[in-house]
C-alpha cells in the first residue's frame, strides 16, 4: 500500500482542524509550525507539506462555497419547474460554478474547470459513438439473419431489410 503524500494527510484533517491550522500558519513560520502540528494534532509533517496546504486551503474553501451555491441554484431551478432535465440542470450548474470561480479571480481554477467540461463533452461523444456502433452492429446481425433465411421470399427479405434499416 502506498503511503499518503504529506500534504494529503493535512488535507484530510477535519474541517475545523484545517481552519485552525491555516490560522496558525498565518501567525508563525512553517519551521516553527512543524512541532506545533505534531504536538497539537499528532500529525507528522514538514515545511513543504505545510506550504502546499497553506496554498491549497483557500482554494478548497472557494470550491466548497461555489459547490454549495451551485447546488442551491440547481435545486431552485428544478423546484420552480423551468422544465430542465437532470443533464441540462447539471450543465447549467457547472456553468454557474465556473462563473463563481472566475469571479473569485482564480483564472487557473476557471481554466481547469473548462478543461474538465471539455473532457466531459468528449466522454459524451465517445459514449454516443459507441451506442451508434452497437446499434449498427445489431442491424448488421439482423440483416445477416434475414439474408440467410431460406424460408423467406425475396420480397419478404427486401421488406424486412427496409424495416431493419428504416428505409
C-alpha atoms as a PDB file:
ATOM      1  CA  UNK A   1       0.000   0.000   0.000  1.00  0.00           C
ATOM      2  CA  UNK A   2       1.305   3.441  -0.954  1.00  0.00           C
ATOM      3  CA  UNK A   3       1.989   5.966   1.744  1.00  0.00           C
ATOM      4  CA  UNK A   4      -0.147   9.118   1.546  1.00  0.00           C
ATOM      5  CA  UNK A   5       1.601  12.304   0.495  1.00  0.00           C
ATOM      6  CA  UNK A   6       2.314  14.559   3.486  1.00  0.00           C
ATOM      7  CA  UNK A   7       0.072  17.395   2.299  1.00  0.00           C
ATOM      8  CA  UNK A   8      -2.700  14.880   1.607  1.00  0.00           C
ATOM      9  CA  UNK A   9      -2.677  13.978   5.296  1.00  0.00           C
ATOM     10  CA  UNK A  10      -3.217  17.636   6.142  1.00  0.00           C
ATOM     11  CA  UNK A  11      -5.987  17.891   3.552  1.00  0.00           C
ATOM     12  CA  UNK A  12      -7.885  15.015   5.161  1.00  0.00           C
ATOM     13  CA  UNK A  13      -7.969  16.548   8.620  1.00  0.00           C
ATOM     14  CA  UNK A  14     -11.430  17.534   9.902  1.00  0.00           C
ATOM     15  CA  UNK A  15     -12.590  20.920   8.533  1.00  0.00           C
ATOM     16  CA  UNK A  16     -12.329  22.640  11.914  1.00  0.00           C
ATOM     17  CA  UNK A  17      -8.750  21.441  12.359  1.00  0.00           C
ATOM     18  CA  UNK A  18      -7.879  22.577   8.834  1.00  0.00           C
ATOM     19  CA  UNK A  19      -9.222  26.053   9.562  1.00  0.00           C
ATOM     20  CA  UNK A  20      -7.276  26.193  12.820  1.00  0.00           C
ATOM     21  CA  UNK A  21      -4.099  25.014  11.092  1.00  0.00           C
ATOM     22  CA  UNK A  22      -4.486  27.635   8.380  1.00  0.00           C
ATOM     23  CA  UNK A  23      -4.900  30.362  11.015  1.00  0.00           C
ATOM     24  CA  UNK A  24      -1.814  29.018  12.814  1.00  0.00           C
ATOM     25  CA  UNK A  25       0.208  29.247   9.600  1.00  0.00           C
ATOM     26  CA  UNK A  26      -0.711  32.934   9.394  1.00  0.00           C
ATOM     27  CA  UNK A  27       0.916  33.598  12.748  1.00  0.00           C
ATOM     28  CA  UNK A  28       4.103  31.543  12.577  1.00  0.00           C
ATOM     29  CA  UNK A  29       6.736  30.216  10.184  1.00  0.00           C
ATOM     30  CA  UNK A  30       6.470  26.775   8.623  1.00  0.00           C
ATOM     31  CA  UNK A  31       9.551  25.661  10.547  1.00  0.00           C
ATOM     32  CA  UNK A  32       8.004  26.694  13.855  1.00  0.00           C
ATOM     33  CA  UNK A  33       4.663  25.127  12.916  1.00  0.00           C
ATOM     34  CA  UNK A  34       6.070  21.619  12.297  1.00  0.00           C
ATOM     35  CA  UNK A  35       6.471  20.710  16.004  1.00  0.00           C
ATOM     36  CA  UNK A  36       3.251  22.524  16.925  1.00  0.00           C
ATOM     37  CA  UNK A  37       1.246  20.457  14.428  1.00  0.00           C
ATOM     38  CA  UNK A  38       2.770  17.227  15.732  1.00  0.00           C
ATOM     39  CA  UNK A  39       2.103  18.206  19.346  1.00  0.00           C
ATOM     40  CA  UNK A  40      -1.419  19.554  18.859  1.00  0.00           C
ATOM     41  CA  UNK A  41      -2.861  17.120  16.296  1.00  0.00           C
ATOM     42  CA  UNK A  42      -0.380  14.247  16.258  1.00  0.00           C
ATOM     43  CA  UNK A  43       0.440  14.755  12.577  1.00  0.00           C
ATOM     44  CA  UNK A  44       3.989  14.325  11.354  1.00  0.00           C
ATOM     45  CA  UNK A  45       4.566  16.870   8.622  1.00  0.00           C
ATOM     46  CA  UNK A  46       7.208  19.079   7.075  1.00  0.00           C
ATOM     47  CA  UNK A  47       7.620  22.616   5.829  1.00  0.00           C
ATOM     48  CA  UNK A  48       6.885  21.716   2.193  1.00  0.00           C
ATOM     49  CA  UNK A  49       3.642  19.971   3.116  1.00  0.00           C
ATOM     50  CA  UNK A  50       2.614  22.930   5.262  1.00  0.00           C
ATOM     51  CA  UNK A  51       3.387  25.333   2.422  1.00  0.00           C
ATOM     52  CA  UNK A  52       1.313  23.302  -0.034  1.00  0.00           C
ATOM     53  CA  UNK A  53      -1.526  23.058   2.465  1.00  0.00           C
ATOM     54  CA  UNK A  54      -1.398  26.830   3.032  1.00  0.00           C
ATOM     55  CA  UNK A  55      -1.742  27.423  -0.735  1.00  0.00           C
ATOM     56  CA  UNK A  56      -4.443  24.767  -1.164  1.00  0.00           C
ATOM     57  CA  UNK A  57      -6.736  25.638   1.744  1.00  0.00           C
ATOM     58  CA  UNK A  58      -8.211  28.960   0.467  1.00  0.00           C
ATOM     59  CA  UNK A  59      -8.918  27.421  -2.939  1.00  0.00           C
ATOM     60  CA  UNK A  60     -10.652  24.457  -1.344  1.00  0.00           C
ATOM     61  CA  UNK A  61     -12.911  26.814   0.627  1.00  0.00           C
ATOM     62  CA  UNK A  62     -13.762  28.712  -2.573  1.00  0.00           C
ATOM     63  CA  UNK A  63     -14.646  25.445  -4.293  1.00  0.00           C
ATOM     64  CA  UNK A  64     -16.719  24.324  -1.336  1.00  0.00           C
ATOM     65  CA  UNK A  65     -18.689  27.595  -1.235  1.00  0.00           C
ATOM     66  CA  UNK A  66     -19.163  27.593  -5.008  1.00  0.00           C
ATOM     67  CA  UNK A  67     -20.354  23.976  -4.949  1.00  0.00           C
ATOM     68  CA  UNK A  68     -22.852  24.766  -2.191  1.00  0.00           C
ATOM     69  CA  UNK A  69     -24.231  27.800  -4.022  1.00  0.00           C
ATOM     70  CA  UNK A  70     -24.344  25.852  -7.286  1.00  0.00           C
ATOM     71  CA  UNK A  71     -26.293  23.013  -5.658  1.00  0.00           C
ATOM     72  CA  UNK A  72     -28.757  25.555  -4.240  1.00  0.00           C
ATOM     73  CA  UNK A  73     -29.229  27.238  -7.638  1.00  0.00           C
ATOM     74  CA  UNK A  74     -29.751  23.920  -9.444  1.00  0.00           C
ATOM     75  CA  UNK A  75     -32.183  22.818  -6.735  1.00  0.00           C
ATOM     76  CA  UNK A  76     -34.158  26.041  -7.082  1.00  0.00           C
ATOM     77  CA  UNK A  77     -34.217  25.730 -10.884  1.00  0.00           C
ATOM     78  CA  UNK A  78     -35.672  22.253 -10.566  1.00  0.00           C
ATOM     79  CA  UNK A  79     -38.093  23.354  -7.834  1.00  0.00           C
ATOM     80  CA  UNK A  80     -39.612  26.176  -9.876  1.00  0.00           C
ATOM     81  CA  UNK A  81     -40.200  23.760 -12.706  1.00  0.00           C
ATOM     82  CA  UNK A  82     -38.498  25.552 -15.582  1.00  0.00           C
ATOM     83  CA  UNK A  83     -38.513  22.246 -17.447  1.00  0.00           C
ATOM     84  CA  UNK A  84     -34.873  21.292 -17.053  1.00  0.00           C
ATOM     85  CA  UNK A  85     -33.946  17.635 -17.183  1.00  0.00           C
ATOM     86  CA  UNK A  86     -31.168  16.426 -14.871  1.00  0.00           C
ATOM     87  CA  UNK A  87     -28.461  16.694 -17.549  1.00  0.00           C
ATOM     88  CA  UNK A  88     -29.410  20.250 -18.535  1.00  0.00           C
ATOM     89  CA  UNK A  89     -29.655  21.318 -14.890  1.00  0.00           C
ATOM     90  CA  UNK A  90     -26.240  19.790 -14.251  1.00  0.00           C
ATOM     91  CA  UNK A  91     -24.694  21.657 -17.187  1.00  0.00           C
ATOM     92  CA  UNK A  92     -26.309  24.909 -16.031  1.00  0.00           C
ATOM     93  CA  UNK A  93     -24.908  24.289 -12.566  1.00  0.00           C
ATOM     94  CA  UNK A  94     -21.455  23.646 -13.987  1.00  0.00           C
ATOM     95  CA  UNK A  95     -21.536  26.897 -15.952  1.00  0.00           C
ATOM     96  CA  UNK A  96     -22.681  28.737 -12.818  1.00  0.00           C
ATOM     97  CA  UNK A  97     -19.883  27.099 -10.818  1.00  0.00           C
ATOM     98  CA  UNK A  98     -17.307  28.187 -13.410  1.00  0.00           C
ATOM     99  CA  UNK A  99     -18.649  31.738 -13.258  1.00  0.00           C
ATOM    100  CA  UNK A 100     -18.263  31.795  -9.478  1.00  0.00           C
ATOM    101  CA  UNK A 101     -14.695  30.514  -9.796  1.00  0.00           C
ATOM    102  CA  UNK A 102     -13.914  33.241 -12.322  1.00  0.00           C
ATOM    103  CA  UNK A 103     -15.422  35.906 -10.059  1.00  0.00           C
ATOM    104  CA  UNK A 104     -13.151  34.736  -7.266  1.00  0.00           C
ATOM    105  CA  UNK A 105     -10.270  35.796  -9.516  1.00  0.00           C
ATOM    106  CA  UNK A 106      -8.830  32.316  -9.839  1.00  0.00           C
ATOM    107  CA  UNK A 107      -8.068  32.053 -13.559  1.00  0.00           C
ATOM    108  CA  UNK A 108      -6.194  28.769 -13.129  1.00  0.00           C
ATOM    109  CA  UNK A 109      -9.202  27.185 -11.445  1.00  0.00           C
ATOM    110  CA  UNK A 110     -11.512  28.527 -14.148  1.00  0.00           C
ATOM    111  CA  UNK A 111      -9.315  27.055 -16.889  1.00  0.00           C
ATOM    112  CA  UNK A 112      -9.130  23.711 -15.076  1.00  0.00           C
ATOM    113  CA  UNK A 113     -12.914  23.626 -14.830  1.00  0.00           C
ATOM    114  CA  UNK A 114     -13.271  24.442 -18.532  1.00  0.00           C
ATOM    115  CA  UNK A 115     -10.876  21.609 -19.385  1.00  0.00           C
ATOM    116  CA  UNK A 116     -12.938  19.235 -17.253  1.00  0.00           C
ATOM    117  CA  UNK A 117     -16.108  20.292 -19.051  1.00  0.00           C
ATOM    118  CA  UNK A 118     -14.427  19.683 -22.411  1.00  0.00           C
ATOM    119  CA  UNK A 119     -13.383  16.220 -21.224  1.00  0.00           C
ATOM    120  CA  UNK A 120     -16.979  15.556 -20.157  1.00  0.00           C
ATOM    121  CA  UNK A 121     -18.208  16.550 -23.613  1.00  0.00           C
ATOM    122  CA  UNK A 122     -15.610  14.314 -25.241  1.00  0.00           C
ATOM    123  CA  UNK A 123     -16.724  11.453 -22.998  1.00  0.00           C
ATOM    124  CA  UNK A 124     -20.364  12.032 -24.002  1.00  0.00           C
ATOM    125  CA  UNK A 125     -19.419  11.995 -27.687  1.00  0.00           C
ATOM    126  CA  UNK A 126     -17.492   8.768 -27.209  1.00  0.00           C
ATOM    127  CA  UNK A 127     -20.481   7.184 -25.467  1.00  0.00           C
ATOM    128  CA  UNK A 128     -22.733   8.324 -28.326  1.00  0.00           C
ATOM    129  CA  UNK A 129     -20.363   6.844 -30.918  1.00  0.00           C
ATOM    130  CA  UNK A 130     -20.315   3.542 -29.043  1.00  0.00           C
ATOM    131  CA  UNK A 131     -24.123   3.489 -28.864  1.00  0.00           C
ATOM    132  CA  UNK A 132     -24.359   4.152 -32.614  1.00  0.00           C
ATOM    133  CA  UNK A 133     -21.814   1.444 -33.387  1.00  0.00           C
ATOM    134  CA  UNK A 134     -23.701  -1.027 -31.198  1.00  0.00           C
ATOM    135  CA  UNK A 135     -26.947  -0.152 -32.992  1.00  0.00           C
ATOM    136  CA  UNK A 136     -25.300  -0.637 -36.396  1.00  0.00           C
ATOM    137  CA  UNK A 137     -23.866  -3.971 -35.274  1.00  0.00           C
ATOM    138  CA  UNK A 138     -27.345  -5.107 -34.190  1.00  0.00           C
ATOM    139  CA  UNK A 139     -28.754  -4.030 -37.553  1.00  0.00           C
ATOM    140  CA  UNK A 140     -25.987  -5.885 -39.372  1.00  0.00           C
ATOM    141  CA  UNK A 141     -26.642  -9.049 -37.356  1.00  0.00           C
ATOM    142  CA  UNK A 142     -30.376  -8.802 -38.023  1.00  0.00           C
ATOM    143  CA  UNK A 143     -29.759  -8.189 -41.735  1.00  0.00           C
ATOM    144  CA  UNK A 144     -27.410 -11.171 -41.953  1.00  0.00           C
ATOM    145  CA  UNK A 145     -30.117 -13.338 -40.420  1.00  0.00           C
ATOM    146  CA  UNK A 146     -32.635 -12.123 -42.995  1.00  0.00           C
ATOM    147  CA  UNK A 147     -30.288 -12.599 -45.946  1.00  0.00           C
ATOM    148  CA  UNK A 148     -29.508 -16.189 -44.929  1.00  0.00           C
ATOM    149  CA  UNK A 149     -33.128 -17.091 -44.106  1.00  0.00           C
ATOM    150  CA  UNK A 150     -34.209 -19.549 -46.804  1.00  0.00           C
ATOM    151  CA  UNK A 151     -37.836 -19.593 -45.598  1.00  0.00           C
ATOM    152  CA  UNK A 152     -38.471 -16.016 -46.805  1.00  0.00           C
ATOM    153  CA  UNK A 153     -39.154 -14.875 -50.333  1.00  0.00           C
ATOM    154  CA  UNK A 154     -37.035 -12.157 -51.942  1.00  0.00           C
ATOM    155  CA  UNK A 155     -39.871  -9.644 -51.472  1.00  0.00           C
ATOM    156  CA  UNK A 156     -40.190 -10.560 -47.779  1.00  0.00           C
ATOM    157  CA  UNK A 157     -36.426 -10.235 -47.328  1.00  0.00           C
ATOM    158  CA  UNK A 158     -36.433  -6.816 -49.010  1.00  0.00           C
ATOM    159  CA  UNK A 159     -39.337  -5.640 -46.838  1.00  0.00           C
ATOM    160  CA  UNK A 160     -37.670  -6.926 -43.680  1.00  0.00           C
ATOM    161  CA  UNK A 161     -34.337  -5.258 -44.598  1.00  0.00           C
ATOM    162  CA  UNK A 162     -36.152  -1.945 -45.209  1.00  0.00           C
ATOM    163  CA  UNK A 163     -37.758  -2.347 -41.787  1.00  0.00           C
ATOM    164  CA  UNK A 164     -34.421  -3.095 -40.101  1.00  0.00           C
ATOM    165  CA  UNK A 165     -32.679  -0.112 -41.680  1.00  0.00           C
ATOM    166  CA  UNK A 166     -35.816   2.090 -41.582  1.00  0.00           C
ATOM    167  CA  UNK A 167     -35.640   2.919 -45.258  1.00  0.00           C
END
